[in-house]
């Protein structure tokens, strides 16, 4: 299916997205859409004939456990609700530990890279087949950016993706910004990856911005698209005409005119590269798969992922073979993202705590790994503060207490209770 040019739909820029000219389709984070009704903005876009593709971030298909049936059912329901031609997810793990490894279950709150090994490939392929069977439309998977490299990898990124497509028939969502990120952070050549992966399996392409700090590229989706990323897009276009190309932006949203300018730059890059001869040479031969690696693959992958995630979010020693400095960068990035997302899902917390929110949350996060999602994380953070008698300001502590009680009780408080609390808060604010 030809998608055309699109942009990531986010509530913060819904008006701008609706007004942008030449938008053929949009992509919405699946977990931000209810399974039984759509935001009015998406309804209006659909009425205009704009395709909406749900983009999942929480399945963790690269994890050692089989995909959660409830998460798959929710993604399937969103696909039906949107009438979408496909759904997308990531080649990543987002949680580790639990019964499989007899260790505490941990959540990363972020997409983490799977090791490019035969074990990890086998687990991923089985998880993909389970997902494909549960979804009403085709699935496409995205390559992710990474700050760290797994030791002892057995395949390149292109080989890993080629094997995945060969075994499962899954489509690919190629993020050219992530290829650039892995070039800076891991020394991997984007052109080589494009030579090795099956470009004919590409469903669409992501383009996004980032920033380099101290020799590390951070795939922020909160900065303008850079020329090196557009150069990777041109490399891809010289090999294949992708069915769709989409601009992603998740934070620090610029004015609509800047978004329109980035879309224009993307279209110009595609048009120019369309006349460029494809690079010479053929895709390298597939590597030979080792025999007898099936038994215990989930346990081996699960043990390795749990050790890495424990180091990143729970202060455990770094697993052997990893770059300790890079693990530190990744650990701090995970904590910072966790603070940012909690501030979005519970905006009352930074409002109540003021300038002290971030310092307080990072202190909490250093001793409390996330294990049950961001909303539970927000409640646990508030509870820890209250147990410690914080914040020191009586009025702020009372507001935080009421906020926590409203959300931690078995059911929401009745209307009369909410009115009484609001009245008390207003009196204390005088």
Protein backbone atom coordinates (compact mmCIF):
# COMPACT_ATOMS: atom_id res chain seq x y z
CA UNK A 1 0.00 0.00 0.00
CA UNK A 2 1.28 3.47 -0.91
CA UNK A 3 1.08 5.69 2.18
CA UNK A 4 2.84 8.83 0.95
CA UNK A 5 4.12 11.58 3.25
CA UNK A 6 3.06 11.61 6.89
CA UNK A 7 3.74 13.01 10.33
CA UNK A 8 3.53 11.63 13.82
CA UNK A 9 0.23 12.73 15.39
CA UNK A 10 0.57 13.95 18.98
CA UNK A 11 -2.15 15.72 21.04
CA UNK A 12 0.16 18.70 21.59
CA UNK A 13 0.32 19.45 17.84
CA UNK A 14 -3.03 18.09 16.69
CA UNK A 15 -4.17 21.48 15.34
CA UNK A 16 -0.92 21.93 13.41
CA UNK A 17 -1.10 18.40 12.00
CA UNK A 18 -4.66 18.97 10.77
CA UNK A 19 -3.62 22.23 9.08
CA UNK A 20 -0.41 21.00 7.43
CA UNK A 21 -0.72 20.73 3.62
CA UNK A 22 0.09 17.52 1.79
CA UNK A 23 -0.29 15.12 4.73
CA UNK A 24 -1.41 11.73 3.41
CA UNK A 25 -1.28 9.81 6.68
CA UNK A 26 -0.40 10.04 10.35
CA UNK A 27 0.99 7.68 12.94
CA UNK A 28 -0.30 7.68 16.53
CA UNK A 29 1.24 5.99 19.57
CA UNK A 30 -1.07 3.02 20.09
CA UNK A 31 -0.94 3.10 23.88
CA UNK A 32 -2.20 6.70 23.87
CA UNK A 33 -5.44 5.74 22.11
CA UNK A 34 -8.40 4.22 23.93
CA UNK A 35 -9.63 0.92 22.52
CA UNK A 36 -13.24 2.09 22.23
CA UNK A 37 -13.10 5.68 20.96
CA UNK A 38 -10.76 8.06 19.15
CA UNK A 39 -9.65 11.61 19.91
CA UNK A 40 -11.75 14.10 17.95
CA UNK A 41 -8.71 15.21 15.94
CA UNK A 42 -8.07 11.69 14.65
CA UNK A 43 -11.74 11.31 13.82
CA UNK A 44 -11.58 14.48 11.73
CA UNK A 45 -8.45 13.30 9.94
CA UNK A 46 -10.03 9.94 9.15
CA UNK A 47 -13.15 11.67 7.80
CA UNK A 48 -10.84 13.52 5.38
CA UNK A 49 -9.43 10.21 4.17
CA UNK A 50 -6.15 10.45 6.11
CA UNK A 51 -4.85 7.01 7.08
CA UNK A 52 -3.99 6.54 10.77
CA UNK A 53 -1.42 3.87 11.70
CA UNK A 54 -1.08 2.79 15.36
CA UNK A 55 2.54 2.57 16.51
CA UNK A 56 3.07 0.38 19.58
CA UNK A 57 5.81 0.91 22.13
CA UNK A 58 5.11 -1.59 24.92
CA UNK A 59 4.87 -5.11 23.47
CA UNK A 60 8.57 -5.82 23.92
CA UNK A 61 8.69 -8.43 21.16
CA UNK A 62 12.45 -8.72 21.58
CA UNK A 63 12.07 -9.73 25.22
CA UNK A 64 12.48 -13.27 26.50
CA UNK A 65 8.83 -13.71 27.50
CA UNK A 66 6.05 -14.44 25.05
CA UNK A 67 3.96 -11.39 24.15
CA UNK A 68 1.29 -10.49 26.67
CA UNK A 69 -2.12 -11.55 25.35
CA UNK A 70 -3.84 -8.50 26.84
CA UNK A 71 -1.46 -6.06 25.16
CA UNK A 72 -1.91 -7.87 21.85
CA UNK A 73 -5.68 -7.77 22.20
CA UNK A 74 -5.56 -4.02 22.90
CA UNK A 75 -3.37 -3.41 19.85
CA UNK A 76 -5.74 -5.49 17.71
CA UNK A 77 -8.73 -3.50 19.00
CA UNK A 78 -7.04 -0.22 18.09
CA UNK A 79 -6.29 -1.52 14.61
CA UNK A 80 -9.97 -2.36 14.11
CA UNK A 81 -11.09 0.98 15.55
CA UNK A 82 -8.80 2.90 13.18
CA UNK A 83 -9.45 0.76 10.11
CA UNK A 84 -5.70 0.80 9.57
CA UNK A 85 -3.86 -1.16 6.85
CA UNK A 86 -1.09 -2.21 9.27
CA UNK A 87 0.26 -1.82 12.79
CA UNK A 88 3.87 -1.27 13.86
CA UNK A 89 6.09 -2.06 16.82
CA UNK A 90 9.81 -2.23 17.66
CA UNK A 91 12.61 -4.76 17.68
CA UNK A 92 13.39 -4.18 21.33
CA UNK A 93 12.87 -5.36 24.87
CA UNK A 94 11.21 -3.12 27.45
CA UNK A 95 11.05 -5.38 30.52
CA UNK A 96 13.03 -8.27 31.94
CA UNK A 97 13.19 -10.58 34.92
CA UNK A 98 10.17 -12.25 36.47
CA UNK A 99 9.27 -15.95 36.67
CA UNK A 100 11.35 -17.01 33.66
CA UNK A 101 14.60 -16.02 35.38
CA UNK A 102 13.35 -16.22 38.99
CA UNK A 103 14.35 -12.59 39.48
CA UNK A 104 12.45 -9.34 40.17
CA UNK A 105 10.45 -8.09 37.22
CA UNK A 106 11.78 -4.76 35.95
CA UNK A 107 10.62 -2.24 33.35
CA UNK A 108 12.95 -0.04 31.36
CA UNK A 109 10.40 2.59 30.42
CA UNK A 110 12.25 2.74 27.12
CA UNK A 111 13.17 0.63 24.10
CA UNK A 112 16.38 -1.34 24.64
CA UNK A 113 18.33 -3.23 21.97
CA UNK A 114 18.24 -7.00 21.71
CA UNK A 115 21.54 -8.81 21.24
CA UNK A 116 22.07 -9.73 17.60
CA UNK A 117 22.57 -13.40 18.34
CA UNK A 118 20.93 -16.55 17.02
CA UNK A 119 19.29 -17.10 20.40
CA UNK A 120 17.74 -13.64 20.42
CA UNK A 121 16.66 -14.01 16.79
CA UNK A 122 14.92 -17.30 17.53
CA UNK A 123 13.02 -15.78 20.46
CA UNK A 124 12.09 -12.69 18.46
CA UNK A 125 10.82 -14.73 15.53
CA UNK A 126 8.56 -16.85 17.73
CA UNK A 127 7.21 -13.73 19.43
CA UNK A 128 6.57 -12.11 16.06
CA UNK A 129 4.61 -15.14 14.85
CA UNK A 130 2.48 -15.03 18.01
CA UNK A 131 1.79 -11.34 17.40
CA UNK A 132 0.99 -11.88 13.73
CA UNK A 133 -1.56 -14.54 14.62
CA UNK A 134 -3.27 -12.18 17.10
CA UNK A 135 -3.45 -9.09 14.88
CA UNK A 136 -6.09 -8.44 12.22
CA UNK A 137 -3.69 -6.60 9.88
CA UNK A 138 -0.02 -7.00 8.86
CA UNK A 139 2.73 -6.10 11.33
CA UNK A 140 5.85 -4.04 10.60
CA UNK A 141 8.80 -3.79 12.99
CA UNK A 142 11.17 -0.88 13.54
CA UNK A 143 14.93 -0.94 14.03
CA UNK A 144 15.83 1.02 17.17
CA UNK A 145 18.61 3.36 18.21
CA UNK A 146 21.04 2.26 20.89
CA UNK A 147 23.57 3.81 23.23
CA UNK A 148 25.16 0.48 24.15
CA UNK A 149 26.42 -2.53 22.23
CA UNK A 150 26.01 -6.13 23.35
CA UNK A 151 29.25 -8.12 23.54
CA UNK A 152 29.55 -11.25 21.45
CA UNK A 153 27.04 -10.36 18.74
CA UNK A 154 26.86 -12.88 15.89
CA UNK A 155 25.06 -10.91 13.17
CA UNK A 156 25.12 -7.39 11.81
CA UNK A 157 21.96 -5.29 11.97
CA UNK A 158 21.24 -5.88 8.29
CA UNK A 159 21.75 -9.63 8.61
CA UNK A 160 19.56 -9.76 11.71
CA UNK A 161 16.72 -7.93 9.91
CA UNK A 162 17.10 -10.06 6.79
CA UNK A 163 16.83 -13.26 8.81
CA UNK A 164 13.81 -11.93 10.67
CA UNK A 165 11.98 -11.15 7.42
CA UNK A 166 13.00 -14.46 5.85
CA UNK A 167 11.64 -16.48 8.77
CA UNK A 168 8.45 -14.58 9.57
CA UNK A 169 7.47 -12.53 6.52
CA UNK A 170 7.14 -9.47 8.76
CA UNK A 171 7.42 -6.02 7.17
CA UNK A 172 10.04 -3.48 8.18
CA UNK A 173 9.75 0.08 9.46
CA UNK A 174 13.18 1.52 8.85
CA UNK A 175 14.11 4.54 10.97
CA UNK A 176 16.94 6.34 9.17
CA UNK A 177 17.60 8.47 12.27
CA UNK A 178 18.22 5.27 14.21
CA UNK A 179 20.65 4.05 11.55
CA UNK A 180 22.51 7.34 11.96
CA UNK A 181 22.43 6.99 15.76
CA UNK A 182 23.96 3.53 15.56
CA UNK A 183 26.61 4.90 13.19
CA UNK A 184 27.71 7.51 15.75
CA UNK A 185 27.31 5.37 18.87
CA UNK A 186 28.33 1.94 17.60
CA UNK A 187 30.39 2.62 14.50
CA UNK A 188 27.93 0.85 12.19
CA UNK A 189 27.78 2.01 8.58
CA UNK A 190 24.18 2.85 7.50
CA UNK A 191 24.97 2.05 3.87
CA UNK A 192 26.15 -1.44 4.84
CA UNK A 193 22.97 -2.07 6.83
CA UNK A 194 20.86 -0.93 3.87
CA UNK A 195 22.83 -3.22 1.54
CA UNK A 196 22.19 -6.21 3.80
CA UNK A 197 18.54 -5.78 4.72
CA UNK A 198 15.68 -6.66 2.33
CA UNK A 199 14.60 -3.18 1.26
CA UNK A 200 11.64 -4.65 -0.62
CA UNK A 201 10.13 -5.53 2.80
CA UNK A 202 10.02 -1.88 3.91
CA UNK A 203 6.49 -0.74 4.81
CA UNK A 204 7.53 2.82 5.57
CA UNK A 205 10.34 5.01 6.90
CA UNK A 206 10.79 7.20 9.97
CA UNK A 207 12.77 10.44 9.94
CA UNK A 208 13.52 12.19 13.25
CA UNK A 209 15.88 14.60 14.94
CA UNK A 210 18.44 14.20 17.68
CA UNK A 211 21.50 15.79 19.20
CA UNK A 212 25.13 14.82 19.84
CA UNK A 213 26.62 15.32 23.30
CA UNK A 214 30.16 14.27 24.26
CA UNK A 215 30.46 11.97 21.27
CA UNK A 216 27.14 10.22 21.94
CA UNK A 217 24.12 10.70 19.69
CA UNK A 218 20.83 10.98 21.56
CA UNK A 219 17.78 10.08 19.49
CA UNK A 220 15.58 12.66 21.19
CA UNK A 221 12.76 13.21 18.69
CA UNK A 222 12.84 16.72 20.19
CA UNK A 223 15.35 18.41 17.86
CA UNK A 224 15.33 19.32 14.17
CA UNK A 225 16.19 16.70 11.58
CA UNK A 226 19.88 16.98 10.71
CA UNK A 227 21.62 16.73 7.35
CA UNK A 228 23.34 13.40 8.19
CA UNK A 229 19.92 11.83 8.81
CA UNK A 230 18.64 13.17 5.49
CA UNK A 231 21.76 11.72 3.86
CA UNK A 232 20.81 8.27 5.19
CA UNK A 233 17.31 8.82 3.81
CA UNK A 234 18.87 9.58 0.43
CA UNK A 235 20.92 6.35 0.66
CA UNK A 236 17.73 4.40 1.28
CA UNK A 237 15.84 6.13 -1.55
CA UNK A 238 18.63 5.29 -3.99
CA UNK A 239 17.86 1.62 -3.31
CA UNK A 240 14.07 1.61 -3.07
CA UNK A 241 11.04 3.88 -3.33
CA UNK A 242 9.54 3.46 0.16
CA UNK A 243 5.72 3.25 0.32
CA UNK A 244 5.66 5.91 3.02
CA UNK A 245 7.91 8.38 4.83
CA UNK A 246 6.96 9.95 8.16
CA UNK A 247 8.37 12.80 10.26
CA UNK A 248 8.49 12.01 13.99
CA UNK A 249 8.49 14.63 16.75
CA UNK A 250 7.69 13.76 20.37
CA UNK A 251 8.71 16.79 22.44
CA UNK A 252 9.73 20.48 22.33
CA UNK A 253 7.32 20.93 19.45
CA UNK A 254 8.26 23.78 17.10
CA UNK A 255 5.83 26.12 15.31
CA UNK A 256 3.83 24.59 12.47
CA UNK A 257 5.97 26.44 9.95
CA UNK A 258 9.08 24.58 11.13
CA UNK A 259 7.32 21.22 10.86
CA UNK A 260 6.24 22.14 7.35
CA UNK A 261 9.84 23.09 6.53
CA UNK A 262 11.13 19.72 7.71
CA UNK A 263 8.52 17.93 5.62
CA UNK A 264 9.62 19.99 2.61
CA UNK A 265 13.26 19.00 3.23
CA UNK A 266 12.23 15.33 3.41
CA UNK A 267 10.30 15.55 0.13
CA UNK A 268 13.22 17.33 -1.55
CA UNK A 269 15.67 14.67 -0.34
CA UNK A 270 13.49 11.90 -1.73
CA UNK A 271 13.06 13.67 -5.06
CA UNK A 272 16.78 14.30 -5.49
CA UNK A 273 17.81 10.79 -4.47
CA UNK A 274 15.24 9.23 -6.81
CA UNK A 275 17.54 10.06 -9.73
CA UNK A 276 20.64 8.64 -8.05
CA UNK A 277 21.82 5.27 -9.39
CA UNK A 278 21.55 2.47 -6.88
CA UNK A 279 24.89 1.44 -5.35
CA UNK A 280 26.64 -1.40 -7.12
CA UNK A 281 26.94 -4.80 -5.55
CA UNK A 282 24.59 -7.41 -4.20
CA UNK A 283 23.37 -8.30 -0.76
CA UNK A 284 25.91 -10.46 1.07
CA UNK A 285 25.17 -14.15 1.44
CA UNK A 286 23.19 -15.11 4.52
CA UNK A 287 25.34 -16.33 7.41
CA UNK A 288 25.03 -19.96 8.35
CA UNK A 289 22.78 -20.59 11.32
CA UNK A 290 24.38 -22.71 14.05
CA UNK A 291 22.57 -25.98 14.70
CA UNK A 292 21.21 -27.07 18.05
CA UNK A 293 20.63 -23.60 19.50
CA UNK A 294 16.88 -23.81 20.11
CA UNK A 295 16.65 -25.37 23.56
CA UNK A 296 16.87 -22.85 26.36
CA UNK A 297 17.07 -19.80 24.08
CA UNK A 298 14.43 -17.92 26.07
CA UNK A 299 16.18 -18.58 29.35
CA UNK A 300 19.56 -17.52 28.02
CA UNK A 301 18.17 -14.35 26.46
CA UNK A 302 16.09 -13.62 29.57
CA UNK A 303 19.04 -14.02 31.90
CA UNK A 304 21.21 -11.70 29.80
CA UNK A 305 18.49 -9.05 29.47
CA UNK A 306 17.66 -9.15 33.19
CA UNK A 307 21.32 -8.64 34.06
CA UNK A 308 21.60 -5.64 31.72
CA UNK A 309 18.35 -4.03 32.90
CA UNK A 310 19.27 -4.59 36.56
CA UNK A 311 22.50 -2.71 35.92
CA UNK A 312 20.69 0.15 34.18
CA UNK A 313 17.82 0.73 36.62
CA UNK A 314 18.60 -1.09 39.87
CA UNK A 315 22.27 -0.37 40.51
CA UNK A 316 23.48 -3.94 39.87
CA UNK A 317 27.05 -4.47 38.64
CA UNK A 318 27.62 -4.04 34.93
CA UNK A 319 27.49 -7.33 33.01
CA UNK A 320 30.80 -8.49 31.61
CA UNK A 321 31.80 -7.10 28.24
CA UNK A 322 29.74 -3.90 28.30
CA UNK A 323 31.21 -0.41 28.12
CA UNK A 324 30.76 0.93 31.66
CA UNK A 325 30.76 4.55 30.57
CA UNK A 326 28.06 3.94 27.99
CA UNK A 327 25.99 2.03 30.54
CA UNK A 328 26.19 5.08 32.78
CA UNK A 329 25.00 7.32 29.95
CA UNK A 330 22.11 4.95 29.23
CA UNK A 331 21.19 4.68 32.90
CA UNK A 332 21.00 8.45 33.31
CA UNK A 333 19.00 8.74 30.08
CA UNK A 334 16.48 6.17 31.32
CA UNK A 335 16.05 8.00 34.64
CA UNK A 336 15.62 11.35 32.87
CA UNK A 337 13.03 9.95 30.48
CA UNK A 338 11.21 8.34 33.40
CA UNK A 339 11.00 11.71 35.15
CA UNK A 340 9.75 13.38 31.97
CA UNK A 341 7.05 10.80 31.27
CA UNK A 342 5.80 10.76 34.88
CA UNK A 343 5.54 14.55 34.66
CA UNK A 344 3.34 14.12 31.58
CA UNK A 345 1.06 11.39 32.91
CA UNK A 346 0.79 13.13 36.31
CA UNK A 347 1.30 16.86 35.61
CA UNK A 348 0.05 17.72 39.10
CA UNK A 349 3.29 16.39 40.61
CA UNK A 350 5.68 18.99 39.12
CA UNK A 351 2.99 21.60 39.79
CA UNK A 352 2.82 20.67 43.49
CA UNK A 353 6.57 20.16 43.95
CA UNK A 354 7.74 23.04 41.78
CA UNK A 355 11.44 23.29 41.01
CA UNK A 356 12.16 20.42 43.39
CA UNK A 357 10.25 17.85 41.32
CA UNK A 358 13.07 16.62 39.12
CA UNK A 359 15.68 16.32 41.87
CA UNK A 360 13.19 14.52 44.11
CA UNK A 361 12.11 12.14 41.38
CA UNK A 362 15.65 11.24 40.29
CA UNK A 363 16.51 10.53 43.92
CA UNK A 364 13.49 8.24 44.16
CA UNK A 365 14.24 6.54 40.82
CA UNK A 366 17.78 5.70 41.93
CA UNK A 367 16.44 3.35 44.60
CA UNK A 368 13.10 2.27 43.11
CA UNK A 369 13.16 0.56 39.70
CA UNK A 370 9.93 0.82 37.74
CA UNK A 371 7.94 -2.40 37.66
CA UNK A 372 4.32 -1.59 36.82
CA UNK A 373 4.16 1.33 34.38
CA UNK A 374 4.36 5.08 34.64
CA UNK A 375 1.06 5.73 36.40
CA UNK A 376 1.94 3.32 39.20
CA UNK A 377 5.39 4.89 39.26
CA UNK A 378 3.84 8.32 39.87
CA UNK A 379 1.78 6.96 42.78
CA UNK A 380 4.78 5.18 44.32
CA UNK A 381 6.86 8.35 44.05
CA UNK A 382 4.21 10.43 45.78
CA UNK A 383 3.77 7.79 48.48
CA UNK A 384 7.50 7.69 49.20
CA UNK A 385 7.56 11.46 49.57
CA UNK A 386 4.60 11.43 51.97
CA UNK A 387 6.07 8.64 54.10
CA UNK A 388 9.21 10.76 54.44
CA UNK A 389 7.14 13.78 55.50
CA UNK A 390 7.77 15.65 52.28
CA UNK A 391 7.37 18.18 50.87
CA UNK A 392 8.21 20.36 53.87
CA UNK A 393 5.57 22.95 52.99
CA UNK A 394 2.33 21.99 54.78
CA UNK A 395 0.02 23.18 52.00
CA UNK A 396 1.99 21.35 49.31
CA UNK A 397 2.08 18.17 51.40
CA UNK A 398 -1.71 18.34 51.89
CA UNK A 399 -2.24 18.77 48.14
CA UNK A 400 0.05 15.82 47.45
CA UNK A 401 -1.82 13.73 50.04
CA UNK A 402 -5.17 14.46 48.41
CA UNK A 403 -3.74 13.78 44.95
CA UNK A 404 -2.42 10.42 46.09
CA UNK A 405 -5.65 9.48 47.90
CA UNK A 406 -7.76 10.33 44.86
CA UNK A 407 -5.78 7.88 42.73
CA UNK A 408 -4.63 5.18 45.11
CA UNK A 409 -8.04 4.29 46.56
CA UNK A 410 -9.91 1.23 45.24
CA UNK A 411 -12.31 3.61 43.47
CA UNK A 412 -12.27 7.34 42.75
CA UNK A 413 -13.70 9.57 45.52
CA UNK A 414 -17.29 10.67 45.19
CA UNK A 415 -18.14 14.11 43.86
CA UNK A 416 -18.95 15.50 47.33
CA UNK A 417 -15.56 14.37 48.62
CA UNK A 418 -13.76 16.03 45.72
CA UNK A 419 -15.69 19.29 46.27
CA UNK A 420 -14.86 19.27 49.99
CA UNK A 421 -11.17 18.71 49.31
CA UNK A 422 -11.10 21.47 46.71
CA UNK A 423 -12.74 23.83 49.19
CA UNK A 424 -10.18 22.99 51.90
CA UNK A 425 -7.33 23.50 49.43
CA UNK A 426 -8.76 26.88 48.40
CA UNK A 427 -9.03 27.98 52.03
CA UNK A 428 -5.43 26.98 52.75
CA UNK A 429 -4.31 28.91 49.70
CA UNK A 430 -5.73 32.19 50.99
